[in-house]
Protein backbone atom coordinates (compact mmCIF):
# COMPACT_ATOMS: atom_id res chain seq x y z
CA MET A 1 1.23 3.59 5.75
CA VAL A 2 0.66 6.01 3.10
CA GLN A 3 4.31 7.95 3.55
CA GLU A 4 5.85 4.60 3.61
CA ALA A 5 4.07 3.34 0.44
CA LEU A 6 5.06 6.45 -1.53
CA THR A 7 8.32 6.24 -0.29
CA ASN A 8 8.88 2.69 -1.67
CA ALA A 9 7.27 3.80 -4.92
CA ALA A 10 9.95 6.33 -5.33
CA ARG A 11 12.69 4.06 -4.38
CA HIS A 12 11.42 1.03 -6.60
CA GLY A 13 9.36 2.24 -9.24
CA THR A 14 9.16 4.91 -12.19
CA GLY A 15 7.12 7.70 -13.13
CA HIS A 16 4.37 8.87 -10.87
CA ALA A 17 2.24 6.96 -8.18
CA ASP A 18 -1.10 7.31 -7.79
CA LEU A 19 -3.02 7.51 -4.39
CA ASP A 20 -6.60 6.90 -3.91
CA VAL A 21 -8.65 7.06 -0.94
CA ALA A 22 -12.49 5.71 -0.70
CA CYS A 23 -14.77 5.53 2.10
CA ASP A 24 -18.08 3.63 2.19
CA GLY A 25 -19.66 3.42 5.30
CA ASP A 26 -17.41 2.06 7.93
CA VAL A 27 -14.89 0.92 5.38
CA CYS A 28 -12.12 2.87 3.88
CA THR A 29 -9.66 1.70 1.10
CA ILE A 30 -6.19 3.30 0.55
CA GLU A 31 -4.33 2.43 -2.49
CA VAL A 32 -0.82 3.20 -3.91
CA ARG A 33 -0.20 2.32 -7.29
CA ASN A 34 2.85 2.78 -9.23
CA GLN A 35 4.71 1.33 -12.32
CA ARG A 36 7.43 -1.15 -11.38
CA VAL A 37 10.74 -1.29 -13.01
CA ARG A 38 13.16 -3.42 -10.61
CA ALA A 39 12.49 -7.18 -9.82
CA ALA A 40 10.12 -7.68 -6.70
CA ALA A 41 12.57 -7.94 -3.80
CA ARG A 42 12.17 -9.99 -0.78
CA PRO A 43 9.58 -8.32 1.53
CA GLY A 44 11.49 -5.68 3.59
CA HIS A 45 10.77 -3.72 6.93
CA GLY A 46 8.71 -1.29 5.18
CA LEU A 47 5.95 -3.81 4.22
CA LEU A 48 6.13 -5.37 7.61
CA GLY A 49 6.00 -2.16 9.24
CA MET A 50 2.92 -1.10 7.27
CA ARG A 51 1.14 -4.51 7.89
CA GLU A 52 1.57 -4.07 11.65
CA ARG A 53 0.32 -0.49 11.89
CA VAL A 54 -2.72 -1.33 9.54
CA ALA A 55 -3.27 -4.34 11.57
CA ALA A 56 -3.08 -2.34 14.92
CA VAL A 57 -6.39 -0.54 13.93
CA GLY A 58 -8.16 -3.53 12.80
CA GLY A 59 -7.28 -3.23 9.00
CA GLU A 60 -5.72 -5.56 6.33
CA LEU A 61 -2.90 -4.77 3.97
CA SER A 62 -1.89 -6.29 0.78
CA ALA A 63 0.87 -5.52 -1.42
CA GLY A 64 1.92 -7.22 -4.96
CA CYS A 65 1.87 -7.05 -8.67
CA GLU A 66 -0.95 -6.39 -10.59
CA GLY A 67 -0.18 -6.17 -14.28
CA ASP A 68 2.70 -3.70 -14.49
CA ASP A 69 1.99 -2.23 -11.37
CA TRP A 70 3.04 -2.51 -7.82
CA VAL A 71 0.04 -2.07 -5.73
CA VAL A 72 -0.18 -1.47 -2.02
CA ARG A 73 -3.96 -1.43 -0.72
CA ALA A 74 -5.45 -1.22 2.80
CA ARG A 75 -8.83 -1.87 3.86
CA LEU A 76 -9.59 -0.08 7.10
CA LEU A 77 -12.78 -0.87 9.04
CA GLY A 78 -14.19 2.05 11.27
CA GLY A 79 -15.47 1.93 14.92
CA HIS A 80 -12.21 0.16 15.77
């Protein structure tokens, strides 16, 4: 998921991408954020694949605009 999100950031964004991983108890959140420059395209196979991989381990994935940034965020639950 991280590799695909960083690839998308390089392909569709500008500047650098920020990666943040935070774990609190049984919950781990992974976030990739970058400044977007291209108009939002329809979801491609990359986002669908990330959603499937995260769901396979019992997690949730969101992706979308937050201000001038594009953010991909996964929330993973431990014990799955």
